[in-house]
Amino acid sequence: MRLFINSGSPFARKCRILVREMGLVDRVQDVPTVTLDSVPEHIAVNPFAQVPALVTDQGSLVDSTLICEWLAAHYGPYPLYPKGEAQWLARQAEALADGILEAAVKMVIEHRRPEHERSAVWLKRWEEGLRRALKAVDGQCVVSDAPPGLAEITLASAATYIDFRFPKLDWHAEAPRLVALRDQLEKRQSFIDTFPA
């Protein structure tokens, strides 16, 4: 299988972490790509030329959560979510973490525009949403020695991505449990191997 990635993409990182947690490194080859280059091979897999995109014998999959669920279904079992009603809280935390990532990526893209073309209104709106979501998920962060589920992987990836892209954004006091979760998970080899670059 081939996984189209960008080493700075937090969405690709979710998949790359899971691949390592599941011991699938020999089966899933990272294909580094620059999404702005519109490489025909990548566009054939994902018309939006976004990462991640997974190519399997059955076709291609886009969207980090879908890719992770497919990998767990075909090569698991892997505990992506807790059992019973707790899975809905975990999925909600994952959805909020994905929203944090989406807001942060939009902020990164906006900051790459010339300063006179940037929208202060949108930057403020995205940052405010990001901060609200960080507070909302903080109560659901639990440090554990168990293999991380998809919510924990996404939450830790979001926290690391914010610090990686916005080191001056002071948010740690607003979400101390998330910081603790991130700090513990970033010690795992799967996280070390996929640290954003």
N, C-alpha and C. Protein backbone atom coordinates (compact mmCIF):
# COMPACT_ATOMS: atom_id res chain seq x y z
N MET A 1 0.85 -1.18 0.00
CA MET A 1 0.00 0.00 0.00
C MET A 1 0.88 1.23 0.00
N ARG A 2 0.35 2.31 -0.55
CA ARG A 2 1.08 3.57 -0.59
C ARG A 2 0.25 4.65 0.09
N LEU A 3 0.90 5.42 0.95
CA LEU A 3 0.24 6.49 1.68
C LEU A 3 0.87 7.82 1.27
N PHE A 4 0.10 8.62 0.53
CA PHE A 4 0.58 9.95 0.15
C PHE A 4 0.56 10.85 1.37
N ILE A 5 1.71 11.45 1.66
CA ILE A 5 1.85 12.24 2.88
C ILE A 5 2.63 13.52 2.60
N ASN A 6 2.57 14.41 3.54
CA ASN A 6 3.47 15.55 3.63
C ASN A 6 3.94 15.53 5.07
N SER A 7 5.23 15.63 5.30
CA SER A 7 5.76 15.45 6.66
C SER A 7 5.25 16.51 7.64
N GLY A 8 4.72 17.62 7.15
CA GLY A 8 4.18 18.64 8.03
C GLY A 8 2.69 18.53 8.25
N SER A 9 2.02 17.61 7.54
CA SER A 9 0.57 17.49 7.64
C SER A 9 0.14 16.75 8.90
N PRO A 10 -0.66 17.38 9.75
CA PRO A 10 -1.14 16.68 10.94
C PRO A 10 -2.15 15.59 10.61
N PHE A 11 -2.87 15.75 9.50
CA PHE A 11 -3.83 14.72 9.11
C PHE A 11 -3.10 13.48 8.61
N ALA A 12 -2.05 13.66 7.83
CA ALA A 12 -1.24 12.52 7.41
C ALA A 12 -0.57 11.88 8.61
N ARG A 13 -0.18 12.70 9.58
CA ARG A 13 0.49 12.17 10.76
C ARG A 13 -0.41 11.20 11.53
N LYS A 14 -1.69 11.48 11.62
CA LYS A 14 -2.62 10.55 12.28
C LYS A 14 -2.47 9.15 11.70
N CYS A 15 -2.49 9.07 10.38
CA CYS A 15 -2.39 7.77 9.71
C CYS A 15 -1.02 7.15 9.91
N ARG A 16 0.01 7.95 9.82
CA ARG A 16 1.37 7.45 9.97
C ARG A 16 1.61 6.91 11.38
N ILE A 17 1.05 7.57 12.38
CA ILE A 17 1.15 7.07 13.76
C ILE A 17 0.46 5.72 13.87
N LEU A 18 -0.77 5.64 13.35
CA LEU A 18 -1.51 4.39 13.46
C LEU A 18 -0.79 3.26 12.72
N VAL A 19 -0.25 3.53 11.56
CA VAL A 19 0.52 2.52 10.82
C VAL A 19 1.62 1.96 11.70
N ARG A 20 2.31 2.81 12.42
CA ARG A 20 3.39 2.36 13.29
C ARG A 20 2.87 1.64 14.53
N GLU A 21 1.79 2.14 15.11
CA GLU A 21 1.21 1.48 16.29
C GLU A 21 0.72 0.08 15.94
N MET A 22 0.24 -0.10 14.70
CA MET A 22 -0.27 -1.40 14.28
C MET A 22 0.81 -2.31 13.70
N GLY A 23 2.04 -1.81 13.59
CA GLY A 23 3.12 -2.62 13.04
C GLY A 23 3.00 -2.85 11.54
N LEU A 24 2.51 -1.86 10.82
CA LEU A 24 2.27 -2.00 9.38
C LEU A 24 3.30 -1.25 8.52
N VAL A 25 4.41 -0.85 9.11
CA VAL A 25 5.39 -0.06 8.37
C VAL A 25 5.88 -0.80 7.12
N ASP A 26 6.01 -2.12 7.19
CA ASP A 26 6.47 -2.90 6.04
C ASP A 26 5.40 -3.03 4.96
N ARG A 27 4.16 -2.76 5.31
CA ARG A 27 3.06 -2.90 4.34
C ARG A 27 2.62 -1.57 3.74
N VAL A 28 2.90 -0.47 4.44
CA VAL A 28 2.43 0.85 3.99
C VAL A 28 3.65 1.73 3.73
N GLN A 29 3.83 2.09 2.47
CA GLN A 29 4.96 2.93 2.07
C GLN A 29 4.53 4.39 2.06
N ASP A 30 5.26 5.23 2.80
CA ASP A 30 5.03 6.68 2.74
C ASP A 30 5.48 7.20 1.38
N VAL A 31 4.62 8.00 0.75
CA VAL A 31 4.95 8.65 -0.52
C VAL A 31 4.93 10.15 -0.27
N PRO A 32 6.10 10.74 0.03
CA PRO A 32 6.14 12.18 0.29
C PRO A 32 5.71 12.96 -0.96
N THR A 33 4.88 13.94 -0.75
CA THR A 33 4.39 14.75 -1.86
C THR A 33 4.21 16.19 -1.42
N VAL A 34 4.35 17.09 -2.35
CA VAL A 34 4.09 18.51 -2.10
C VAL A 34 2.73 18.80 -2.73
N THR A 35 1.74 19.05 -1.91
CA THR A 35 0.37 19.17 -2.41
C THR A 35 0.20 20.32 -3.39
N LEU A 36 0.97 21.37 -3.27
CA LEU A 36 0.84 22.51 -4.18
C LEU A 36 1.39 22.21 -5.57
N ASP A 37 2.15 21.14 -5.71
CA ASP A 37 2.74 20.81 -7.02
C ASP A 37 1.75 20.12 -7.96
N SER A 38 0.62 19.66 -7.46
CA SER A 38 -0.40 18.99 -8.28
C SER A 38 0.22 17.88 -9.14
N VAL A 39 0.87 16.95 -8.48
CA VAL A 39 1.49 15.81 -9.15
C VAL A 39 0.39 14.91 -9.72
N PRO A 40 0.44 14.58 -11.02
CA PRO A 40 -0.63 13.78 -11.62
C PRO A 40 -0.92 12.47 -10.88
N GLU A 41 0.13 11.78 -10.42
CA GLU A 41 -0.06 10.52 -9.69
C GLU A 41 -0.89 10.75 -8.42
N HIS A 42 -0.66 11.86 -7.75
CA HIS A 42 -1.40 12.18 -6.53
C HIS A 42 -2.83 12.59 -6.86
N ILE A 43 -3.01 13.40 -7.90
CA ILE A 43 -4.35 13.84 -8.30
C ILE A 43 -5.21 12.64 -8.71
N ALA A 44 -4.59 11.63 -9.31
CA ALA A 44 -5.33 10.43 -9.70
C ALA A 44 -5.89 9.71 -8.48
N VAL A 45 -5.23 9.86 -7.35
CA VAL A 45 -5.65 9.22 -6.11
C VAL A 45 -6.64 10.10 -5.35
N ASN A 46 -6.36 11.41 -5.32
CA ASN A 46 -7.22 12.36 -4.63
C ASN A 46 -7.36 13.61 -5.51
N PRO A 47 -8.53 13.82 -6.11
CA PRO A 47 -8.72 14.96 -7.01
C PRO A 47 -8.42 16.31 -6.36
N PHE A 48 -8.51 16.39 -5.04
CA PHE A 48 -8.21 17.63 -4.33
C PHE A 48 -6.71 17.82 -4.10
N ALA A 49 -5.92 16.79 -4.41
CA ALA A 49 -4.47 16.82 -4.19
C ALA A 49 -4.14 17.13 -2.73
N GLN A 50 -4.91 16.53 -1.83
CA GLN A 50 -4.67 16.70 -0.40
C GLN A 50 -4.09 15.42 0.18
N VAL A 51 -3.45 15.56 1.32
CA VAL A 51 -2.95 14.40 2.04
C VAL A 51 -3.71 14.28 3.35
N PRO A 52 -3.85 13.05 3.82
CA PRO A 52 -3.34 11.80 3.30
C PRO A 52 -4.27 11.19 2.24
N ALA A 53 -3.70 10.28 1.49
CA ALA A 53 -4.46 9.45 0.56
C ALA A 53 -3.78 8.08 0.56
N LEU A 54 -4.58 7.04 0.74
CA LEU A 54 -4.04 5.68 0.81
C LEU A 54 -4.45 4.92 -0.44
N VAL A 55 -3.48 4.31 -1.10
CA VAL A 55 -3.74 3.47 -2.26
C VAL A 55 -3.63 2.02 -1.81
N THR A 56 -4.71 1.27 -2.03
CA THR A 56 -4.76 -0.14 -1.67
C THR A 56 -5.00 -0.96 -2.93
N ASP A 57 -5.03 -2.28 -2.79
CA ASP A 57 -5.35 -3.14 -3.94
C ASP A 57 -6.78 -2.92 -4.42
N GLN A 58 -7.65 -2.44 -3.53
CA GLN A 58 -9.05 -2.23 -3.88
C GLN A 58 -9.34 -0.83 -4.42
N GLY A 59 -8.38 0.07 -4.35
CA GLY A 59 -8.61 1.45 -4.79
C GLY A 59 -7.93 2.42 -3.85
N SER A 60 -8.47 3.62 -3.81
CA SER A 60 -7.85 4.64 -2.95
C SER A 60 -8.85 5.16 -1.93
N LEU A 61 -8.30 5.63 -0.81
CA LEU A 61 -9.10 6.21 0.27
C LEU A 61 -8.51 7.56 0.62
N VAL A 62 -9.39 8.53 0.86
CA VAL A 62 -8.96 9.84 1.33
C VAL A 62 -9.67 10.12 2.64
N ASP A 63 -9.14 11.04 3.43
CA ASP A 63 -9.65 11.41 4.75
C ASP A 63 -8.96 10.56 5.81
N SER A 64 -8.32 11.23 6.73
CA SER A 64 -7.49 10.55 7.73
C SER A 64 -8.28 9.57 8.59
N THR A 65 -9.46 9.94 9.02
CA THR A 65 -10.25 9.03 9.86
C THR A 65 -10.68 7.81 9.08
N LEU A 66 -11.14 8.00 7.85
CA LEU A 66 -11.54 6.88 7.01
C LEU A 66 -10.37 5.93 6.79
N ILE A 67 -9.21 6.47 6.51
CA ILE A 67 -8.02 5.63 6.30
C ILE A 67 -7.70 4.83 7.56
N CYS A 68 -7.73 5.48 8.71
CA CYS A 68 -7.43 4.79 9.97
C CYS A 68 -8.45 3.70 10.25
N GLU A 69 -9.73 3.98 10.01
CA GLU A 69 -10.76 2.97 10.24
C GLU A 69 -10.59 1.79 9.29
N TRP A 70 -10.23 2.08 8.04
CA TRP A 70 -10.01 1.00 7.07
C TRP A 70 -8.83 0.13 7.50
N LEU A 71 -7.74 0.75 7.90
CA LEU A 71 -6.57 -0.02 8.34
C LEU A 71 -6.91 -0.91 9.53
N ALA A 72 -7.65 -0.36 10.50
CA ALA A 72 -8.02 -1.14 11.68
C ALA A 72 -8.96 -2.29 11.31
N ALA A 73 -9.87 -2.05 10.37
CA ALA A 73 -10.81 -3.09 9.95
C ALA A 73 -10.12 -4.21 9.18
N HIS A 74 -9.12 -3.87 8.38
CA HIS A 74 -8.47 -4.86 7.53
C HIS A 74 -7.23 -5.50 8.13
N TYR A 75 -6.59 -4.82 9.07
CA TYR A 75 -5.33 -5.33 9.63
C TYR A 75 -5.34 -5.39 11.15
N GLY A 76 -6.50 -5.16 11.75
CA GLY A 76 -6.61 -5.15 13.20
C GLY A 76 -6.69 -6.55 13.76
N PRO A 77 -7.19 -6.66 14.97
CA PRO A 77 -7.91 -5.59 15.66
C PRO A 77 -6.97 -4.55 16.26
N TYR A 78 -7.46 -3.32 16.29
CA TYR A 78 -6.78 -2.24 16.98
C TYR A 78 -7.86 -1.40 17.65
N PRO A 79 -7.67 -1.04 18.92
CA PRO A 79 -8.71 -0.30 19.66
C PRO A 79 -8.77 1.18 19.29
N LEU A 80 -9.34 1.49 18.10
CA LEU A 80 -9.47 2.89 17.70
C LEU A 80 -10.34 3.67 18.68
N TYR A 81 -11.40 3.02 19.14
CA TYR A 81 -12.36 3.67 20.04
C TYR A 81 -12.69 2.72 21.19
N PRO A 82 -13.07 3.27 22.34
CA PRO A 82 -13.52 2.39 23.43
C PRO A 82 -14.84 1.73 23.05
N LYS A 83 -15.18 0.70 23.78
CA LYS A 83 -16.43 -0.02 23.50
C LYS A 83 -17.61 0.68 24.19
N GLY A 84 -18.79 0.36 23.72
CA GLY A 84 -20.02 0.86 24.33
C GLY A 84 -20.23 2.34 24.11
N GLU A 85 -20.94 2.93 25.04
CA GLU A 85 -21.30 4.35 24.92
C GLU A 85 -20.09 5.28 24.95
N ALA A 86 -18.99 4.83 25.55
CA ALA A 86 -17.79 5.67 25.63
C ALA A 86 -17.22 6.00 24.26
N GLN A 87 -17.55 5.17 23.25
CA GLN A 87 -17.04 5.45 21.91
C GLN A 87 -17.55 6.78 21.38
N TRP A 88 -18.75 7.18 21.77
CA TRP A 88 -19.31 8.43 21.24
C TRP A 88 -18.59 9.64 21.80
N LEU A 89 -18.19 9.58 23.06
CA LEU A 89 -17.38 10.66 23.63
C LEU A 89 -16.02 10.73 22.95
N ALA A 90 -15.44 9.56 22.68
CA ALA A 90 -14.14 9.52 22.01
C ALA A 90 -14.26 10.07 20.59
N ARG A 91 -15.32 9.70 19.89
CA ARG A 91 -15.51 10.21 18.53
C ARG A 91 -15.75 11.72 18.54
N GLN A 92 -16.46 12.20 19.55
CA GLN A 92 -16.68 13.65 19.67
C GLN A 92 -15.35 14.36 19.92
N ALA A 93 -14.52 13.80 20.79
CA ALA A 93 -13.20 14.40 21.05
C ALA A 93 -12.35 14.40 19.78
N GLU A 94 -12.42 13.30 19.03
CA GLU A 94 -11.68 13.23 17.77
C GLU A 94 -12.19 14.27 16.78
N ALA A 95 -13.51 14.42 16.69
CA ALA A 95 -14.08 15.41 15.77
C ALA A 95 -13.65 16.82 16.15
N LEU A 96 -13.63 17.12 17.45
CA LEU A 96 -13.16 18.44 17.88
C LEU A 96 -11.68 18.62 17.58
N ALA A 97 -10.90 17.56 17.78
CA ALA A 97 -9.46 17.64 17.47
C ALA A 97 -9.25 17.86 15.97
N ASP A 98 -10.05 17.19 15.14
CA ASP A 98 -9.96 17.44 13.70
C ASP A 98 -10.32 18.89 13.38
N GLY A 99 -11.32 19.43 14.08
CA GLY A 99 -11.68 20.84 13.89
C GLY A 99 -10.55 21.77 14.29
N ILE A 100 -9.86 21.43 15.37
CA ILE A 100 -8.69 22.21 15.80
C ILE A 100 -7.64 22.19 14.69
N LEU A 101 -7.41 21.01 14.13
CA LEU A 101 -6.43 20.90 13.05
C LEU A 101 -6.85 21.70 11.83
N GLU A 102 -8.13 21.63 11.48
CA GLU A 102 -8.61 22.39 10.31
C GLU A 102 -8.43 23.88 10.52
N ALA A 103 -8.75 24.37 11.71
CA ALA A 103 -8.57 25.80 12.00
C ALA A 103 -7.09 26.17 11.95
N ALA A 104 -6.24 25.34 12.52
CA ALA A 104 -4.81 25.63 12.54
C ALA A 104 -4.23 25.63 11.12
N VAL A 105 -4.64 24.67 10.29
CA VAL A 105 -4.15 24.62 8.91
C VAL A 105 -4.61 25.86 8.14
N LYS A 106 -5.85 26.28 8.35
CA LYS A 106 -6.34 27.50 7.69
C LYS A 106 -5.52 28.71 8.12
N MET A 107 -5.17 28.76 9.40
CA MET A 107 -4.35 29.86 9.89
C MET A 107 -2.96 29.85 9.24
N VAL A 108 -2.39 28.66 9.10
CA VAL A 108 -1.08 28.54 8.45
C VAL A 108 -1.16 29.05 7.02
N ILE A 109 -2.18 28.61 6.29
CA ILE A 109 -2.33 29.04 4.90
C ILE A 109 -2.53 30.54 4.81
N GLU A 110 -3.34 31.08 5.70
CA GLU A 110 -3.59 32.53 5.69
C GLU A 110 -2.32 33.32 5.98
N HIS A 111 -1.50 32.81 6.88
CA HIS A 111 -0.24 33.49 7.22
C HIS A 111 0.79 33.42 6.08
N ARG A 112 0.61 32.51 5.15
CA ARG A 112 1.52 32.42 4.01
C ARG A 112 1.21 33.46 2.93
N ARG A 113 0.03 34.06 3.03
CA ARG A 113 -0.32 35.11 2.06
C ARG A 113 0.46 36.38 2.40
N PRO A 114 0.65 37.25 1.43
CA PRO A 114 1.27 38.54 1.75
C PRO A 114 0.47 39.24 2.84
N GLU A 115 1.15 39.92 3.71
CA GLU A 115 0.50 40.52 4.88
C GLU A 115 -0.69 41.40 4.51
N HIS A 116 -0.58 42.15 3.44
CA HIS A 116 -1.68 43.05 3.05
C HIS A 116 -2.90 42.30 2.51
N GLU A 117 -2.75 41.00 2.22
CA GLU A 117 -3.87 40.19 1.73
C GLU A 117 -4.50 39.32 2.82
N ARG A 118 -3.92 39.28 3.99
CA ARG A 118 -4.44 38.44 5.07
C ARG A 118 -5.72 39.02 5.65
N SER A 119 -6.57 38.12 6.09
CA SER A 119 -7.82 38.55 6.72
C SER A 119 -7.68 38.44 8.24
N ALA A 120 -7.59 39.58 8.89
CA ALA A 120 -7.51 39.60 10.36
C ALA A 120 -8.79 39.03 10.97
N VAL A 121 -9.91 39.26 10.30
CA VAL A 121 -11.20 38.76 10.80
C VAL A 121 -11.20 37.24 10.84
N TRP A 122 -10.78 36.60 9.74
CA TRP A 122 -10.77 35.14 9.71
C TRP A 122 -9.71 34.56 10.64
N LEU A 123 -8.54 35.17 10.69
CA LEU A 123 -7.51 34.68 11.62
C LEU A 123 -8.01 34.71 13.05
N LYS A 124 -8.68 35.78 13.42
CA LYS A 124 -9.22 35.90 14.78
C LYS A 124 -10.30 34.85 15.02
N ARG A 125 -11.17 34.68 14.06
CA ARG A 125 -12.26 33.71 14.19
C ARG A 125 -11.71 32.29 14.35
N TRP A 126 -10.73 31.93 13.52
CA TRP A 126 -10.16 30.58 13.60
C TRP A 126 -9.44 30.38 14.93
N GLU A 127 -8.70 31.37 15.38
CA GLU A 127 -7.99 31.23 16.65
C GLU A 127 -8.97 31.11 17.82
N GLU A 128 -10.03 31.90 17.80
CA GLU A 128 -11.03 31.81 18.88
C GLU A 128 -11.69 30.44 18.90
N GLY A 129 -12.03 29.91 17.73
CA GLY A 129 -12.62 28.57 17.66
C GLY A 129 -11.66 27.51 18.15
N LEU A 130 -10.41 27.65 17.76
CA LEU A 130 -9.37 26.73 18.19
C LEU A 130 -9.26 26.72 19.72
N ARG A 131 -9.23 27.90 20.31
CA ARG A 131 -9.12 28.00 21.78
C ARG A 131 -10.34 27.40 22.48
N ARG A 132 -11.52 27.67 21.95
CA ARG A 132 -12.74 27.10 22.55
C ARG A 132 -12.71 25.58 22.48
N ALA A 133 -12.27 25.05 21.35
CA ALA A 133 -12.22 23.59 21.19
C ALA A 133 -11.17 22.96 22.10
N LEU A 134 -10.03 23.63 22.27
CA LEU A 134 -9.01 23.12 23.19
C LEU A 134 -9.57 22.98 24.60
N LYS A 135 -10.30 23.99 25.04
CA LYS A 135 -10.92 23.93 26.38
C LYS A 135 -11.96 22.82 26.44
N ALA A 136 -12.74 22.67 25.36
CA ALA A 136 -13.81 21.67 25.35
C ALA A 136 -13.27 20.25 25.43
N VAL A 137 -12.15 19.97 24.78
CA VAL A 137 -11.62 18.60 24.78
C VAL A 137 -10.75 18.31 25.99
N ASP A 138 -10.30 19.33 26.67
CA ASP A 138 -9.35 19.11 27.77
C ASP A 138 -9.88 18.15 28.82
N GLY A 139 -11.15 18.26 29.16
CA GLY A 139 -11.73 17.39 30.18
C GLY A 139 -11.80 15.94 29.78
N GLN A 140 -11.67 15.65 28.49
CA GLN A 140 -11.75 14.28 28.01
C GLN A 140 -10.38 13.63 27.85
N CYS A 141 -9.33 14.37 28.15
CA CYS A 141 -7.97 13.84 27.98
C CYS A 141 -7.55 13.06 29.22
N VAL A 142 -7.22 11.81 29.02
CA VAL A 142 -6.79 10.94 30.11
C VAL A 142 -5.46 10.30 29.73
N VAL A 143 -4.47 10.48 30.57
CA VAL A 143 -3.16 9.88 30.33
C VAL A 143 -3.24 8.41 30.73
N SER A 144 -2.78 7.53 29.84
CA SER A 144 -2.87 6.10 30.06
C SER A 144 -1.68 5.41 29.39
N ASP A 145 -1.36 4.22 29.86
CA ASP A 145 -0.30 3.43 29.23
C ASP A 145 -0.84 2.55 28.12
N ALA A 146 -2.14 2.55 27.92
CA ALA A 146 -2.76 1.73 26.87
C ALA A 146 -2.39 2.29 25.49
N PRO A 147 -2.45 1.45 24.46
CA PRO A 147 -2.22 1.97 23.11
C PRO A 147 -3.22 3.10 22.83
N PRO A 148 -2.76 4.18 22.21
CA PRO A 148 -3.66 5.31 22.01
C PRO A 148 -4.74 5.01 20.98
N GLY A 149 -5.96 5.43 21.30
CA GLY A 149 -7.04 5.34 20.34
C GLY A 149 -6.95 6.50 19.36
N LEU A 150 -7.87 6.52 18.41
CA LEU A 150 -7.81 7.56 17.38
C LEU A 150 -8.06 8.95 17.95
N ALA A 151 -8.89 9.06 18.98
CA ALA A 151 -9.10 10.36 19.62
C ALA A 151 -7.80 10.86 20.24
N GLU A 152 -7.11 10.00 20.96
CA GLU A 152 -5.86 10.39 21.61
C GLU A 152 -4.78 10.75 20.58
N ILE A 153 -4.71 9.95 19.51
CA ILE A 153 -3.74 10.24 18.45
C ILE A 153 -4.02 11.61 17.84
N THR A 154 -5.29 11.88 17.56
CA THR A 154 -5.66 13.15 16.93
C THR A 154 -5.46 14.32 17.87
N LEU A 155 -5.83 14.15 19.14
CA LEU A 155 -5.64 15.22 20.12
C LEU A 155 -4.17 15.57 20.29
N ALA A 156 -3.33 14.55 20.45
CA ALA A 156 -1.90 14.81 20.63
C ALA A 156 -1.30 15.43 19.37
N SER A 157 -1.73 14.95 18.21
CA SER A 157 -1.24 15.52 16.95
C SER A 157 -1.63 16.98 16.83
N ALA A 158 -2.85 17.31 17.26
CA ALA A 158 -3.31 18.70 17.20
C ALA A 158 -2.47 19.58 18.12
N ALA A 159 -2.24 19.11 19.34
CA ALA A 159 -1.46 19.90 20.30
C ALA A 159 -0.04 20.14 19.79
N THR A 160 0.57 19.10 19.24
CA THR A 160 1.93 19.24 18.70
C THR A 160 1.95 20.17 17.50
N TYR A 161 0.95 20.04 16.64
CA TYR A 161 0.90 20.87 15.43
C TYR A 161 0.77 22.35 15.79
N ILE A 162 -0.07 22.66 16.76
CA ILE A 162 -0.22 24.07 17.17
C ILE A 162 1.12 24.62 17.66
N ASP A 163 1.80 23.86 18.50
CA ASP A 163 3.10 24.33 19.01
C ASP A 163 4.15 24.40 17.90
N PHE A 164 4.07 23.48 16.94
CA PHE A 164 5.01 23.46 15.81
C PHE A 164 4.81 24.68 14.91
N ARG A 165 3.57 25.00 14.60
CA ARG A 165 3.28 26.10 13.67
C ARG A 165 3.15 27.46 14.36
N PHE A 166 2.67 27.46 15.60
CA PHE A 166 2.41 28.72 16.31
C PHE A 166 3.04 28.69 17.70
N PRO A 167 4.37 28.67 17.78
CA PRO A 167 5.03 28.55 19.08
C PRO A 167 4.73 29.70 20.04
N LYS A 168 4.28 30.83 19.53
CA LYS A 168 3.98 31.97 20.40
C LYS A 168 2.52 31.98 20.86
N LEU A 169 1.72 31.05 20.38
CA LEU A 169 0.32 30.98 20.78
C LEU A 169 0.25 30.33 22.17
N ASP A 170 -0.06 31.11 23.17
CA ASP A 170 -0.05 30.65 24.55
C ASP A 170 -1.39 29.99 24.89
N TRP A 171 -1.44 28.68 24.84
CA TRP A 171 -2.69 27.97 25.08
C TRP A 171 -2.57 26.89 26.15
N HIS A 172 -1.37 26.55 26.59
CA HIS A 172 -1.16 25.41 27.49
C HIS A 172 -1.95 25.52 28.79
N ALA A 173 -2.07 26.71 29.35
CA ALA A 173 -2.80 26.88 30.61
C ALA A 173 -4.29 26.61 30.43
N GLU A 174 -4.78 26.76 29.20
CA GLU A 174 -6.20 26.54 28.92
C GLU A 174 -6.54 25.05 28.79
N ALA A 175 -5.54 24.21 28.54
CA ALA A 175 -5.80 22.79 28.33
C ALA A 175 -4.66 21.94 28.91
N PRO A 176 -4.49 21.98 30.23
CA PRO A 176 -3.35 21.27 30.85
C PRO A 176 -3.41 19.75 30.70
N ARG A 177 -4.61 19.19 30.69
CA ARG A 177 -4.71 17.73 30.53
C ARG A 177 -4.32 17.30 29.12
N LEU A 178 -4.66 18.14 28.15
CA LEU A 178 -4.24 17.86 26.77
C LEU A 178 -2.72 17.93 26.66
N VAL A 179 -2.12 18.91 27.31
CA VAL A 179 -0.66 19.02 27.30
C VAL A 179 -0.03 17.76 27.91
N ALA A 180 -0.59 17.28 29.01
CA ALA A 180 -0.06 16.07 29.66
C ALA A 180 -0.20 14.85 28.75
N LEU A 181 -1.36 14.73 28.10
CA LEU A 181 -1.58 13.62 27.18
C LEU A 181 -0.58 13.69 26.02
N ARG A 182 -0.46 14.86 25.44
CA ARG A 182 0.48 15.05 24.33
C ARG A 182 1.90 14.72 24.76
N ASP A 183 2.31 15.23 25.91
CA ASP A 183 3.68 15.00 26.38
C ASP A 183 3.97 13.51 26.57
N GLN A 184 2.99 12.76 27.07
CA GLN A 184 3.21 11.33 27.24
C GLN A 184 3.26 10.62 25.89
N LEU A 185 2.32 10.93 25.00
CA LEU A 185 2.28 10.21 23.73
C LEU A 185 3.46 10.55 22.83
N GLU A 186 3.97 11.76 22.92
CA GLU A 186 5.11 12.13 22.07
C GLU A 186 6.38 11.36 22.44
N LYS A 187 6.35 10.60 23.54
CA LYS A 187 7.49 9.74 23.90
C LYS A 187 7.42 8.39 23.20
N ARG A 188 6.26 8.05 22.63
CA ARG A 188 6.10 6.77 21.94
C ARG A 188 6.87 6.83 20.62
N GLN A 189 7.42 5.70 20.21
CA GLN A 189 8.21 5.66 18.98
C GLN A 189 7.40 6.08 17.77
N SER A 190 6.12 5.72 17.74
CA SER A 190 5.27 6.07 16.60
C SER A 190 5.13 7.58 16.45
N PHE A 191 5.14 8.29 17.55
CA PHE A 191 5.05 9.74 17.54
C PHE A 191 6.42 10.36 17.22
N ILE A 192 7.47 9.79 17.79
CA ILE A 192 8.82 10.29 17.53
C ILE A 192 9.14 10.18 16.03
N ASP A 193 8.79 9.03 15.44
CA ASP A 193 9.09 8.78 14.02
C ASP A 193 8.33 9.70 13.08
N THR A 194 7.24 10.28 13.54
CA THR A 194 6.37 11.07 12.65
C THR A 194 6.31 12.54 13.04
N PHE A 195 7.24 12.98 13.88
CA PHE A 195 7.20 14.37 14.33
C PHE A 195 7.22 15.30 13.11
N PRO A 196 6.38 16.34 13.11
CA PRO A 196 6.29 17.20 11.92
C PRO A 196 7.61 17.88 11.58
N ALA A 197 7.82 18.01 10.28
CA ALA A 197 9.05 18.66 9.79
C ALA A 197 8.70 19.71 8.75
